[in-house]
Amino acid sequence: MEDLIARVTEAVVNGSKAETLKWVKAAVDQGIDPVAIIEQGLTKGIQKVGDRFECGEYYLPDMMLSAEAMGNSVEMLEPLMKGGASSLRKLGKVVLGTVEGDLHEIGKNIVAMMLKASGFEVVDLGVNVTSGDFARAVGEHKADILGISALMTTTQTKQADIVSQLERDGIRKGVRVLVGGAPITAEWARKIGADGYAPDAISAVKMAKEMLGVS
């Protein structure tokens, strides 16, 4: 069992979808619990990828390949779990989107992918999302964290509008706000009353875990 789980982890670290699926299927054939495969094999692999990214050994394309390899395997395993996806330990629920007037989505998509791979439930609202839609989604999904992306200086003020909308709707205290995007800084996050700032996907995962006190 340990050898197969280790091979699953290694395949994720190498960013190989084919190899990851191969060893995941082998683990299933050996009767290993799908939840154990995900939590001890796939998740451990994506954590190692994050460590290598922080050390400068891996870059964004490497992260994306590994996250896709993990995502494909999780999709394959979900029908085999007794309780489906609900059998997995969820770290928290994140509502995520790019602000109104901004159609950039690559960075947001990478963040969403890495959050999912790390054990968060993610509701991706897409791009060009209005302040009202952000606020409604927070309430509807009972989000623990709201992630707001803005990739242009002309749209970053929308992040402040969204925080104000949450306050007007009386739901600001119930959700942590995490902001990011090319023009965004920690100083800007503090200025608009956000709870945190993440410059990249790995930082977003770490910040989200810190916000909720999970690991």
N, C-alpha and C. Protein backbone atom coordinates (compact mmCIF):
# COMPACT_ATOMS: atom_id res chain seq x y z
N MET A 1 0.83 -1.22 0.00
CA MET A 1 0.00 0.00 0.00
C MET A 1 0.85 1.26 0.00
N GLU A 2 1.82 1.31 0.89
CA GLU A 2 2.65 2.51 1.01
C GLU A 2 3.40 2.79 -0.29
N ASP A 3 3.85 1.71 -0.97
CA ASP A 3 4.59 1.89 -2.21
C ASP A 3 3.69 2.50 -3.29
N LEU A 4 2.46 2.03 -3.39
CA LEU A 4 1.55 2.56 -4.40
C LEU A 4 1.18 4.02 -4.11
N ILE A 5 0.94 4.32 -2.85
CA ILE A 5 0.62 5.70 -2.46
C ILE A 5 1.80 6.62 -2.79
N ALA A 6 3.01 6.13 -2.53
CA ALA A 6 4.22 6.92 -2.83
C ALA A 6 4.35 7.17 -4.32
N ARG A 7 3.97 6.20 -5.13
CA ARG A 7 4.04 6.36 -6.59
C ARG A 7 3.00 7.38 -7.08
N VAL A 8 1.84 7.38 -6.43
CA VAL A 8 0.82 8.38 -6.75
C VAL A 8 1.36 9.78 -6.46
N THR A 9 1.97 9.93 -5.29
CA THR A 9 2.54 11.22 -4.90
C THR A 9 3.61 11.66 -5.89
N GLU A 10 4.48 10.75 -6.26
CA GLU A 10 5.57 11.06 -7.19
C GLU A 10 5.03 11.49 -8.55
N ALA A 11 3.98 10.82 -9.01
CA ALA A 11 3.40 11.14 -10.31
C ALA A 11 2.81 12.55 -10.31
N VAL A 12 2.17 12.93 -9.21
CA VAL A 12 1.63 14.29 -9.10
C VAL A 12 2.76 15.31 -9.12
N VAL A 13 3.81 15.04 -8.36
CA VAL A 13 4.96 15.95 -8.31
C VAL A 13 5.56 16.11 -9.71
N ASN A 14 5.56 15.04 -10.50
CA ASN A 14 6.11 15.10 -11.85
C ASN A 14 5.14 15.72 -12.85
N GLY A 15 3.91 15.96 -12.41
CA GLY A 15 2.93 16.60 -13.29
C GLY A 15 2.45 15.74 -14.44
N SER A 16 2.47 14.42 -14.24
CA SER A 16 2.07 13.49 -15.31
C SER A 16 0.65 12.98 -15.07
N LYS A 17 -0.30 13.40 -15.92
CA LYS A 17 -1.68 12.93 -15.77
C LYS A 17 -1.78 11.43 -16.00
N ALA A 18 -1.07 10.95 -17.03
CA ALA A 18 -1.14 9.53 -17.37
C ALA A 18 -0.58 8.66 -16.24
N GLU A 19 0.58 9.04 -15.73
CA GLU A 19 1.19 8.26 -14.65
C GLU A 19 0.36 8.33 -13.37
N THR A 20 -0.18 9.50 -13.08
CA THR A 20 -0.99 9.64 -11.87
C THR A 20 -2.21 8.74 -11.94
N LEU A 21 -2.92 8.77 -13.07
CA LEU A 21 -4.08 7.91 -13.25
C LEU A 21 -3.70 6.44 -13.18
N LYS A 22 -2.57 6.11 -13.77
CA LYS A 22 -2.09 4.72 -13.77
C LYS A 22 -1.93 4.19 -12.35
N TRP A 23 -1.25 4.96 -11.50
CA TRP A 23 -0.98 4.49 -10.14
C TRP A 23 -2.20 4.61 -9.24
N VAL A 24 -3.06 5.58 -9.53
CA VAL A 24 -4.31 5.67 -8.78
C VAL A 24 -5.17 4.44 -9.06
N LYS A 25 -5.27 4.05 -10.33
CA LYS A 25 -6.04 2.86 -10.69
C LYS A 25 -5.44 1.61 -10.06
N ALA A 26 -4.11 1.54 -10.04
CA ALA A 26 -3.44 0.40 -9.41
C ALA A 26 -3.76 0.34 -7.92
N ALA A 27 -3.79 1.50 -7.28
CA ALA A 27 -4.11 1.55 -5.85
C ALA A 27 -5.56 1.10 -5.61
N VAL A 28 -6.46 1.53 -6.48
CA VAL A 28 -7.87 1.12 -6.37
C VAL A 28 -7.98 -0.39 -6.53
N ASP A 29 -7.27 -0.94 -7.52
CA ASP A 29 -7.31 -2.39 -7.77
C ASP A 29 -6.79 -3.19 -6.59
N GLN A 30 -5.92 -2.56 -5.80
CA GLN A 30 -5.38 -3.23 -4.62
C GLN A 30 -6.29 -3.06 -3.41
N GLY A 31 -7.42 -2.39 -3.62
CA GLY A 31 -8.39 -2.24 -2.54
C GLY A 31 -8.12 -1.10 -1.58
N ILE A 32 -7.25 -0.17 -1.98
CA ILE A 32 -6.95 0.97 -1.11
C ILE A 32 -8.12 1.95 -1.14
N ASP A 33 -8.51 2.45 0.00
CA ASP A 33 -9.62 3.39 0.14
C ASP A 33 -9.37 4.63 -0.73
N PRO A 34 -10.31 4.99 -1.62
CA PRO A 34 -10.14 6.18 -2.46
C PRO A 34 -9.84 7.45 -1.67
N VAL A 35 -10.46 7.59 -0.49
CA VAL A 35 -10.19 8.78 0.33
C VAL A 35 -8.73 8.80 0.76
N ALA A 36 -8.18 7.63 1.11
CA ALA A 36 -6.77 7.54 1.51
C ALA A 36 -5.86 7.87 0.33
N ILE A 37 -6.26 7.43 -0.86
CA ILE A 37 -5.46 7.74 -2.06
C ILE A 37 -5.39 9.25 -2.27
N ILE A 38 -6.51 9.91 -2.08
CA ILE A 38 -6.55 11.37 -2.27
C ILE A 38 -5.77 12.09 -1.18
N GLU A 39 -6.08 11.76 0.07
CA GLU A 39 -5.51 12.53 1.18
C GLU A 39 -4.04 12.20 1.45
N GLN A 40 -3.65 10.93 1.25
CA GLN A 40 -2.27 10.54 1.55
C GLN A 40 -1.36 10.55 0.33
N GLY A 41 -1.96 10.42 -0.87
CA GLY A 41 -1.16 10.38 -2.08
C GLY A 41 -1.23 11.65 -2.89
N LEU A 42 -2.41 11.98 -3.39
CA LEU A 42 -2.56 13.14 -4.26
C LEU A 42 -2.29 14.46 -3.54
N THR A 43 -2.90 14.62 -2.38
CA THR A 43 -2.74 15.87 -1.63
C THR A 43 -1.29 16.07 -1.19
N LYS A 44 -0.67 15.00 -0.76
CA LYS A 44 0.74 15.09 -0.35
C LYS A 44 1.60 15.55 -1.53
N GLY A 45 1.25 15.05 -2.73
CA GLY A 45 2.00 15.43 -3.92
C GLY A 45 1.86 16.91 -4.23
N ILE A 46 0.64 17.43 -4.16
CA ILE A 46 0.43 18.85 -4.48
C ILE A 46 1.08 19.74 -3.44
N GLN A 47 1.18 19.26 -2.20
CA GLN A 47 1.88 20.03 -1.17
C GLN A 47 3.37 20.12 -1.49
N LYS A 48 3.94 19.03 -1.99
CA LYS A 48 5.35 19.04 -2.38
C LYS A 48 5.58 19.99 -3.55
N VAL A 49 4.63 20.03 -4.46
CA VAL A 49 4.72 20.95 -5.60
C VAL A 49 4.75 22.39 -5.09
N GLY A 50 3.90 22.69 -4.12
CA GLY A 50 3.87 24.02 -3.54
C GLY A 50 5.20 24.39 -2.90
N ASP A 51 5.79 23.44 -2.20
CA ASP A 51 7.09 23.68 -1.56
C ASP A 51 8.16 23.98 -2.62
N ARG A 52 8.14 23.24 -3.72
CA ARG A 52 9.14 23.45 -4.77
C ARG A 52 8.92 24.79 -5.49
N PHE A 53 7.67 25.20 -5.61
CA PHE A 53 7.37 26.50 -6.20
C PHE A 53 7.96 27.62 -5.34
N GLU A 54 7.77 27.49 -4.04
CA GLU A 54 8.28 28.52 -3.13
C GLU A 54 9.80 28.59 -3.14
N CYS A 55 10.43 27.46 -3.37
CA CYS A 55 11.90 27.41 -3.41
C CYS A 55 12.46 27.84 -4.76
N GLY A 56 11.59 28.09 -5.73
CA GLY A 56 12.05 28.50 -7.05
C GLY A 56 12.40 27.35 -7.96
N GLU A 57 12.12 26.11 -7.52
CA GLU A 57 12.42 24.94 -8.35
C GLU A 57 11.32 24.72 -9.40
N TYR A 58 10.08 25.08 -9.05
CA TYR A 58 8.95 24.92 -9.96
C TYR A 58 8.38 26.28 -10.32
N TYR A 59 7.70 26.32 -11.48
CA TYR A 59 7.09 27.55 -11.96
C TYR A 59 5.59 27.31 -12.20
N LEU A 60 4.87 28.35 -12.60
CA LEU A 60 3.42 28.23 -12.79
C LEU A 60 3.01 27.08 -13.71
N PRO A 61 3.69 26.87 -14.85
CA PRO A 61 3.31 25.74 -15.70
C PRO A 61 3.43 24.40 -14.98
N ASP A 62 4.46 24.26 -14.14
CA ASP A 62 4.63 23.02 -13.37
C ASP A 62 3.46 22.82 -12.42
N MET A 63 3.07 23.89 -11.74
CA MET A 63 1.94 23.81 -10.82
C MET A 63 0.66 23.42 -11.53
N MET A 64 0.44 24.00 -12.69
CA MET A 64 -0.78 23.72 -13.43
C MET A 64 -0.85 22.25 -13.86
N LEU A 65 0.26 21.72 -14.33
CA LEU A 65 0.30 20.32 -14.74
C LEU A 65 0.00 19.40 -13.56
N SER A 66 0.60 19.69 -12.42
CA SER A 66 0.38 18.86 -11.24
C SER A 66 -1.05 18.96 -10.74
N ALA A 67 -1.60 20.18 -10.74
CA ALA A 67 -2.97 20.37 -10.29
C ALA A 67 -3.95 19.65 -11.22
N GLU A 68 -3.68 19.69 -12.53
CA GLU A 68 -4.54 18.99 -13.48
C GLU A 68 -4.45 17.48 -13.29
N ALA A 69 -3.23 17.00 -13.03
CA ALA A 69 -3.05 15.56 -12.81
C ALA A 69 -3.84 15.12 -11.58
N MET A 70 -3.80 15.92 -10.54
CA MET A 70 -4.55 15.58 -9.34
C MET A 70 -6.05 15.68 -9.59
N GLY A 71 -6.48 16.75 -10.26
CA GLY A 71 -7.90 16.96 -10.51
C GLY A 71 -8.52 15.82 -11.30
N ASN A 72 -7.83 15.36 -12.34
CA ASN A 72 -8.35 14.25 -13.14
C ASN A 72 -8.52 12.98 -12.30
N SER A 73 -7.57 12.75 -11.43
CA SER A 73 -7.61 11.55 -10.60
C SER A 73 -8.72 11.63 -9.56
N VAL A 74 -8.92 12.81 -8.99
CA VAL A 74 -10.00 12.99 -8.02
C VAL A 74 -11.35 12.74 -8.68
N GLU A 75 -11.52 13.25 -9.90
CA GLU A 75 -12.77 13.03 -10.64
C GLU A 75 -13.02 11.54 -10.86
N MET A 76 -11.95 10.82 -11.13
CA MET A 76 -12.09 9.38 -11.35
C MET A 76 -12.44 8.64 -10.06
N LEU A 77 -11.93 9.14 -8.93
CA LEU A 77 -12.13 8.46 -7.65
C LEU A 77 -13.47 8.78 -7.00
N GLU A 78 -14.02 9.96 -7.25
CA GLU A 78 -15.23 10.39 -6.57
C GLU A 78 -16.39 9.39 -6.65
N PRO A 79 -16.67 8.80 -7.83
CA PRO A 79 -17.79 7.85 -7.89
C PRO A 79 -17.54 6.58 -7.07
N LEU A 80 -16.28 6.32 -6.73
CA LEU A 80 -15.94 5.10 -6.00
C LEU A 80 -16.03 5.28 -4.49
N MET A 81 -16.16 6.54 -4.05
CA MET A 81 -16.25 6.80 -2.62
C MET A 81 -17.67 6.61 -2.13
N LYS A 82 -17.82 6.04 -0.97
CA LYS A 82 -19.15 5.74 -0.42
C LYS A 82 -20.02 6.98 -0.33
N GLY A 83 -19.44 8.07 0.11
CA GLY A 83 -20.21 9.30 0.23
C GLY A 83 -19.91 10.29 -0.87
N GLY A 84 -19.27 9.81 -1.96
CA GLY A 84 -18.90 10.72 -3.04
C GLY A 84 -17.90 11.75 -2.55
N ALA A 85 -17.94 12.93 -3.16
CA ALA A 85 -17.01 13.99 -2.78
C ALA A 85 -17.18 14.41 -1.33
N SER A 86 -18.38 14.19 -0.78
CA SER A 86 -18.63 14.59 0.61
C SER A 86 -17.83 13.77 1.60
N SER A 87 -17.24 12.65 1.13
CA SER A 87 -16.42 11.82 2.02
C SER A 87 -15.09 12.49 2.35
N LEU A 88 -14.69 13.42 1.50
CA LEU A 88 -13.41 14.09 1.70
C LEU A 88 -13.52 15.17 2.76
N ARG A 89 -12.44 15.34 3.48
CA ARG A 89 -12.40 16.41 4.48
C ARG A 89 -12.23 17.73 3.75
N LYS A 90 -13.20 18.61 3.85
CA LYS A 90 -13.11 19.91 3.21
C LYS A 90 -12.56 20.93 4.20
N LEU A 91 -11.59 21.70 3.74
CA LEU A 91 -10.96 22.69 4.62
C LEU A 91 -11.84 23.93 4.77
N GLY A 92 -12.70 24.19 3.81
CA GLY A 92 -13.55 25.37 3.86
C GLY A 92 -14.09 25.65 2.48
N LYS A 93 -15.03 26.60 2.40
CA LYS A 93 -15.65 26.94 1.12
C LYS A 93 -15.19 28.33 0.68
N VAL A 94 -14.73 28.39 -0.57
CA VAL A 94 -14.24 29.66 -1.13
C VAL A 94 -15.07 30.06 -2.33
N VAL A 95 -15.60 31.27 -2.31
CA VAL A 95 -16.23 31.86 -3.49
C VAL A 95 -15.18 32.74 -4.15
N LEU A 96 -15.03 32.60 -5.46
CA LEU A 96 -13.91 33.23 -6.16
C LEU A 96 -14.40 33.84 -7.48
N GLY A 97 -13.82 35.00 -7.84
CA GLY A 97 -14.18 35.59 -9.12
C GLY A 97 -13.32 36.79 -9.47
N THR A 98 -13.43 37.23 -10.72
CA THR A 98 -12.74 38.43 -11.19
C THR A 98 -13.76 39.57 -11.28
N VAL A 99 -13.36 40.74 -10.87
CA VAL A 99 -14.28 41.88 -10.71
C VAL A 99 -14.92 42.35 -12.02
N GLU A 100 -15.99 43.10 -11.87
CA GLU A 100 -16.71 43.67 -13.01
C GLU A 100 -15.78 44.54 -13.86
N GLY A 101 -15.89 44.38 -15.18
CA GLY A 101 -15.07 45.16 -16.09
C GLY A 101 -13.72 44.52 -16.39
N ASP A 102 -13.44 43.38 -15.79
CA ASP A 102 -12.15 42.69 -15.96
C ASP A 102 -12.40 41.27 -16.46
N LEU A 103 -11.83 40.93 -17.61
CA LEU A 103 -12.06 39.63 -18.21
C LEU A 103 -10.88 38.67 -18.07
N HIS A 104 -9.90 39.05 -17.27
CA HIS A 104 -8.74 38.18 -17.07
C HIS A 104 -9.10 37.00 -16.17
N GLU A 105 -8.72 35.82 -16.57
CA GLU A 105 -9.10 34.66 -15.78
C GLU A 105 -8.01 33.62 -15.55
N ILE A 106 -6.87 33.74 -16.23
CA ILE A 106 -5.85 32.70 -16.09
C ILE A 106 -5.37 32.59 -14.65
N GLY A 107 -5.02 33.73 -14.04
CA GLY A 107 -4.53 33.70 -12.66
C GLY A 107 -5.59 33.17 -11.71
N LYS A 108 -6.83 33.64 -11.90
CA LYS A 108 -7.94 33.17 -11.05
C LYS A 108 -8.13 31.67 -11.19
N ASN A 109 -8.04 31.18 -12.42
CA ASN A 109 -8.24 29.75 -12.66
C ASN A 109 -7.16 28.91 -11.98
N ILE A 110 -5.94 29.42 -11.98
CA ILE A 110 -4.85 28.69 -11.31
C ILE A 110 -5.09 28.66 -9.81
N VAL A 111 -5.53 29.79 -9.26
CA VAL A 111 -5.84 29.84 -7.82
C VAL A 111 -6.94 28.85 -7.49
N ALA A 112 -8.00 28.84 -8.31
CA ALA A 112 -9.12 27.93 -8.08
C ALA A 112 -8.65 26.48 -8.12
N MET A 113 -7.81 26.17 -9.09
CA MET A 113 -7.30 24.81 -9.25
C MET A 113 -6.49 24.38 -8.04
N MET A 114 -5.62 25.28 -7.57
CA MET A 114 -4.76 24.95 -6.44
C MET A 114 -5.55 24.85 -5.14
N LEU A 115 -6.55 25.69 -4.98
CA LEU A 115 -7.40 25.60 -3.79
C LEU A 115 -8.15 24.27 -3.76
N LYS A 116 -8.71 23.88 -4.90
CA LYS A 116 -9.41 22.59 -4.97
C LYS A 116 -8.46 21.44 -4.68
N ALA A 117 -7.28 21.50 -5.29
CA ALA A 117 -6.30 20.44 -5.09
C ALA A 117 -5.84 20.35 -3.64
N SER A 118 -5.95 21.45 -2.92
CA SER A 118 -5.50 21.48 -1.52
C SER A 118 -6.62 21.14 -0.54
N GLY A 119 -7.82 20.88 -1.04
CA GLY A 119 -8.89 20.44 -0.17
C GLY A 119 -10.01 21.44 0.10
N PHE A 120 -10.00 22.57 -0.59
CA PHE A 120 -11.07 23.55 -0.43
C PHE A 120 -12.19 23.29 -1.43
N GLU A 121 -13.40 23.59 -1.04
CA GLU A 121 -14.53 23.59 -1.97
C GLU A 121 -14.55 24.97 -2.60
N VAL A 122 -14.57 25.02 -3.93
CA VAL A 122 -14.46 26.30 -4.63
C VAL A 122 -15.69 26.55 -5.50
N VAL A 123 -16.26 27.73 -5.35
CA VAL A 123 -17.35 28.19 -6.22
C VAL A 123 -16.78 29.31 -7.07
N ASP A 124 -16.52 29.02 -8.34
CA ASP A 124 -15.90 29.99 -9.25
C ASP A 124 -16.99 30.75 -10.00
N LEU A 125 -17.08 32.04 -9.74
CA LEU A 125 -18.10 32.88 -10.37
C LEU A 125 -17.69 33.35 -11.76
N GLY A 126 -16.44 33.11 -12.13
CA GLY A 126 -15.97 33.52 -13.45
C GLY A 126 -15.42 34.93 -13.47
N VAL A 127 -15.61 35.63 -14.58
CA VAL A 127 -15.06 36.98 -14.74
C VAL A 127 -16.19 38.00 -14.89
N ASN A 128 -15.81 39.29 -14.80
CA ASN A 128 -16.78 40.38 -14.98
C ASN A 128 -17.94 40.25 -14.00
N VAL A 129 -17.62 39.96 -12.74
CA VAL A 129 -18.64 39.71 -11.72
C VAL A 129 -18.94 41.01 -10.96
N THR A 130 -20.20 41.35 -10.84
CA THR A 130 -20.59 42.58 -10.16
C THR A 130 -20.48 42.44 -8.64
N SER A 131 -20.44 43.57 -7.96
CA SER A 131 -20.38 43.57 -6.50
C SER A 131 -21.58 42.84 -5.91
N GLY A 132 -22.75 43.08 -6.49
CA GLY A 132 -23.95 42.43 -6.01
C GLY A 132 -23.90 40.93 -6.16
N ASP A 133 -23.37 40.46 -7.28
CA ASP A 133 -23.27 39.02 -7.51
C ASP A 133 -22.28 38.37 -6.55
N PHE A 134 -21.18 39.06 -6.26
CA PHE A 134 -20.23 38.55 -5.27
C PHE A 134 -20.93 38.38 -3.92
N ALA A 135 -21.63 39.44 -3.49
CA ALA A 135 -22.29 39.42 -2.19
C ALA A 135 -23.37 38.34 -2.12
N ARG A 136 -24.15 38.21 -3.19
CA ARG A 136 -25.20 37.19 -3.22
C ARG A 136 -24.62 35.79 -3.12
N ALA A 137 -23.51 35.58 -3.82
CA ALA A 137 -22.88 34.26 -3.80
C ALA A 137 -22.33 33.92 -2.42
N VAL A 138 -21.78 34.91 -1.74
CA VAL A 138 -21.27 34.69 -0.38
C VAL A 138 -22.40 34.21 0.53
N GLY A 139 -23.55 34.91 0.43
CA GLY A 139 -24.69 34.53 1.26
C GLY A 139 -25.30 33.20 0.87
N GLU A 140 -25.44 32.99 -0.42
CA GLU A 140 -26.06 31.77 -0.93
C GLU A 140 -25.26 30.52 -0.59
N HIS A 141 -23.95 30.62 -0.74
CA HIS A 141 -23.09 29.46 -0.53
C HIS A 141 -22.50 29.38 0.88
N LYS A 142 -22.82 30.40 1.70
CA LYS A 142 -22.28 30.44 3.06
C LYS A 142 -20.75 30.28 3.04
N ALA A 143 -20.12 31.13 2.24
CA ALA A 143 -18.68 31.04 2.03
C ALA A 143 -17.89 31.40 3.28
N ASP A 144 -16.79 30.69 3.46
CA ASP A 144 -15.85 31.02 4.53
C ASP A 144 -14.90 32.12 4.07
N ILE A 145 -14.56 32.07 2.77
CA ILE A 145 -13.61 33.02 2.19
C ILE A 145 -14.14 33.52 0.86
N LEU A 146 -13.96 34.82 0.61
CA LEU A 146 -14.27 35.40 -0.69
C LEU A 146 -12.96 35.84 -1.33
N GLY A 147 -12.65 35.26 -2.48
CA GLY A 147 -11.44 35.62 -3.22
C GLY A 147 -11.78 36.55 -4.37
N ILE A 148 -11.18 37.74 -4.39
CA ILE A 148 -11.51 38.74 -5.41
C ILE A 148 -10.26 39.07 -6.23
N SER A 149 -10.33 38.80 -7.53
CA SER A 149 -9.20 39.06 -8.42
C SER A 149 -9.45 40.29 -9.27
N ALA A 150 -8.41 41.12 -9.42
CA ALA A 150 -8.46 42.29 -10.31
C ALA A 150 -7.10 42.41 -10.97
N LEU A 151 -7.08 42.40 -12.28
CA LEU A 151 -5.81 42.39 -13.00
C LEU A 151 -5.42 43.72 -13.62
N MET A 152 -6.26 44.74 -13.44
CA MET A 152 -5.96 46.04 -14.03
C MET A 152 -6.12 47.15 -12.99
N THR A 153 -5.31 48.19 -13.11
CA THR A 153 -5.42 49.31 -12.18
C THR A 153 -6.78 49.99 -12.31
N THR A 154 -7.38 49.90 -13.49
CA THR A 154 -8.68 50.53 -13.72
C THR A 154 -9.83 49.74 -13.08
N THR A 155 -9.58 48.51 -12.68
CA THR A 155 -10.65 47.70 -12.08
C THR A 155 -10.39 47.35 -10.61
N GLN A 156 -9.21 47.66 -10.12
CA GLN A 156 -8.90 47.25 -8.75
C GLN A 156 -9.80 47.93 -7.71
N THR A 157 -10.30 49.12 -8.03
CA THR A 157 -11.19 49.80 -7.08
C THR A 157 -12.49 49.01 -6.86
N LYS A 158 -12.81 48.13 -7.80
CA LYS A 158 -14.01 47.30 -7.64
C LYS A 158 -13.88 46.40 -6.41
N GLN A 159 -12.66 46.06 -6.04
CA GLN A 159 -12.47 45.25 -4.84
C GLN A 159 -12.97 45.99 -3.61
N ALA A 160 -12.70 47.28 -3.55
CA ALA A 160 -13.18 48.10 -2.44
C ALA A 160 -14.71 48.18 -2.46
N ASP A 161 -15.28 48.27 -3.66
CA ASP A 161 -16.75 48.32 -3.78
C ASP A 161 -17.38 47.04 -3.26
N ILE A 162 -16.73 45.91 -3.51
CA ILE A 162 -17.28 44.62 -3.08
C ILE A 162 -17.26 44.52 -1.56
N VAL A 163 -16.17 44.95 -0.95
CA VAL A 163 -16.09 44.95 0.52
C VAL A 163 -17.20 45.82 1.09
N SER A 164 -17.42 46.98 0.49
CA SER A 164 -18.49 47.88 0.94
C SER A 164 -19.86 47.24 0.77
N GLN A 165 -20.03 46.48 -0.33
CA GLN A 165 -21.30 45.81 -0.58
C GLN A 165 -21.57 44.76 0.49
N LEU A 166 -20.54 44.04 0.87
CA LEU A 166 -20.69 43.04 1.93
C LEU A 166 -21.12 43.70 3.24
N GLU A 167 -20.55 44.86 3.51
CA GLU A 167 -20.91 45.60 4.73
C GLU A 167 -22.36 46.08 4.67
N ARG A 168 -22.77 46.59 3.52
CA ARG A 168 -24.15 47.07 3.36
C ARG A 168 -25.16 45.93 3.52
N ASP A 169 -24.77 44.75 3.07
CA ASP A 169 -25.65 43.58 3.15
C ASP A 169 -25.60 42.89 4.50
N GLY A 170 -24.72 43.39 5.39
CA GLY A 170 -24.63 42.82 6.73
C GLY A 170 -23.98 41.46 6.81
N ILE A 171 -23.13 41.13 5.84
CA ILE A 171 -22.49 39.81 5.85
C ILE A 171 -20.96 39.88 5.88
N ARG A 172 -20.44 41.09 6.05
CA ARG A 172 -18.98 41.24 6.03
C ARG A 172 -18.29 40.47 7.14
N LYS A 173 -18.87 40.47 8.35
CA LYS A 173 -18.21 39.82 9.48
C LYS A 173 -18.17 38.29 9.35
N GLY A 174 -19.02 37.76 8.49
CA GLY A 174 -19.09 36.30 8.39
C GLY A 174 -18.17 35.68 7.36
N VAL A 175 -17.40 36.51 6.64
CA VAL A 175 -16.55 35.98 5.58
C VAL A 175 -15.19 36.68 5.59
N ARG A 176 -14.14 35.93 5.31
CA ARG A 176 -12.80 36.53 5.16
C ARG A 176 -12.62 36.92 3.71
N VAL A 177 -12.06 38.09 3.47
CA VAL A 177 -11.87 38.57 2.10
C VAL A 177 -10.39 38.50 1.74
N LEU A 178 -10.11 37.80 0.64
CA LEU A 178 -8.75 37.63 0.15
C LEU A 178 -8.67 38.24 -1.24
N VAL A 179 -7.73 39.18 -1.44
CA VAL A 179 -7.62 39.86 -2.73
C VAL A 179 -6.30 39.54 -3.40
N GLY A 180 -6.31 39.64 -4.74
CA GLY A 180 -5.09 39.39 -5.50
C GLY A 180 -5.21 39.97 -6.90
N GLY A 181 -4.10 39.89 -7.65
CA GLY A 181 -4.06 40.43 -9.00
C GLY A 181 -2.81 41.26 -9.20
N ALA A 182 -2.46 41.48 -10.44
CA ALA A 182 -1.20 42.16 -10.77
C ALA A 182 -0.98 43.50 -10.05
N PRO A 183 -1.96 44.41 -9.98
CA PRO A 183 -1.71 45.70 -9.36
C PRO A 183 -1.92 45.72 -7.84
N ILE A 184 -2.32 44.58 -7.28
CA ILE A 184 -2.72 44.54 -5.87
C ILE A 184 -1.52 44.36 -4.95
N THR A 185 -1.56 45.04 -3.81
CA THR A 185 -0.49 44.94 -2.81
C THR A 185 -1.11 44.71 -1.43
N ALA A 186 -0.25 44.35 -0.49
CA ALA A 186 -0.72 44.16 0.88
C ALA A 186 -1.25 45.47 1.45
N GLU A 187 -0.60 46.57 1.09
CA GLU A 187 -1.04 47.89 1.55
C GLU A 187 -2.46 48.20 1.04
N TRP A 188 -2.71 47.86 -0.24
CA TRP A 188 -4.04 48.08 -0.81
C TRP A 188 -5.09 47.23 -0.09
N ALA A 189 -4.72 45.99 0.21
CA ALA A 189 -5.65 45.10 0.91
C ALA A 189 -6.05 45.70 2.26
N ARG A 190 -5.07 46.22 2.98
CA ARG A 190 -5.36 46.84 4.28
C ARG A 190 -6.24 48.07 4.11
N LYS A 191 -5.94 48.86 3.08
CA LYS A 191 -6.67 50.12 2.84
C LYS A 191 -8.16 49.87 2.61
N ILE A 192 -8.50 48.81 1.88
CA ILE A 192 -9.91 48.57 1.56
C ILE A 192 -10.61 47.68 2.58
N GLY A 193 -9.87 47.26 3.60
CA GLY A 193 -10.49 46.45 4.65
C GLY A 193 -10.56 44.97 4.35
N ALA A 194 -9.72 44.48 3.42
CA ALA A 194 -9.66 43.04 3.14
C ALA A 194 -8.89 42.36 4.27
N ASP A 195 -9.06 41.06 4.37
CA ASP A 195 -8.37 40.31 5.43
C ASP A 195 -7.02 39.78 5.02
N GLY A 196 -6.75 39.77 3.72
CA GLY A 196 -5.47 39.25 3.28
C GLY A 196 -5.21 39.50 1.81
N TYR A 197 -3.95 39.34 1.42
CA TYR A 197 -3.51 39.54 0.03
C TYR A 197 -2.61 38.38 -0.36
N ALA A 198 -2.78 37.89 -1.58
CA ALA A 198 -1.94 36.81 -2.08
C ALA A 198 -1.40 37.16 -3.46
N PRO A 199 -0.08 37.15 -3.63
CA PRO A 199 0.51 37.50 -4.92
C PRO A 199 0.50 36.36 -5.94
N ASP A 200 0.25 35.13 -5.48
CA ASP A 200 0.23 33.99 -6.40
C ASP A 200 -0.63 32.87 -5.81
N ALA A 201 -0.78 31.79 -6.57
CA ALA A 201 -1.68 30.70 -6.17
C ALA A 201 -1.22 30.00 -4.90
N ILE A 202 0.06 29.75 -4.77
CA ILE A 202 0.56 29.07 -3.57
C ILE A 202 0.32 29.93 -2.34
N SER A 203 0.57 31.23 -2.47
CA SER A 203 0.33 32.14 -1.35
C SER A 203 -1.15 32.19 -1.01
N ALA A 204 -2.01 32.09 -2.03
CA ALA A 204 -3.46 32.11 -1.80
C ALA A 204 -3.89 30.91 -0.97
N VAL A 205 -3.33 29.75 -1.28
CA VAL A 205 -3.67 28.53 -0.52
C VAL A 205 -3.19 28.67 0.93
N LYS A 206 -1.98 29.15 1.09
CA LYS A 206 -1.43 29.32 2.45
C LYS A 206 -2.24 30.32 3.25
N MET A 207 -2.58 31.44 2.61
CA MET A 207 -3.35 32.47 3.29
C MET A 207 -4.74 31.95 3.66
N ALA A 208 -5.36 31.21 2.75
CA ALA A 208 -6.68 30.65 3.02
C ALA A 208 -6.64 29.71 4.22
N LYS A 209 -5.60 28.90 4.31
CA LYS A 209 -5.46 27.98 5.43
C LYS A 209 -5.25 28.75 6.73
N GLU A 210 -4.43 29.78 6.67
CA GLU A 210 -4.19 30.59 7.87
C GLU A 210 -5.47 31.28 8.33
N MET A 211 -6.25 31.77 7.37
CA MET A 211 -7.49 32.46 7.71
C MET A 211 -8.46 31.57 8.48
N LEU A 212 -8.47 30.28 8.10
CA LEU A 212 -9.41 29.35 8.71
C LEU A 212 -8.78 28.48 9.80
N GLY A 213 -7.46 28.65 10.00
CA GLY A 213 -6.77 27.87 11.02
C GLY A 213 -6.76 26.39 10.74
N VAL A 214 -6.58 26.03 9.44
CA VAL A 214 -6.57 24.62 9.04
C VAL A 214 -5.23 24.29 8.39
N SER A 215 -5.01 23.00 8.19
CA SER A 215 -3.75 22.58 7.55
C SER A 215 -3.99 21.40 6.64
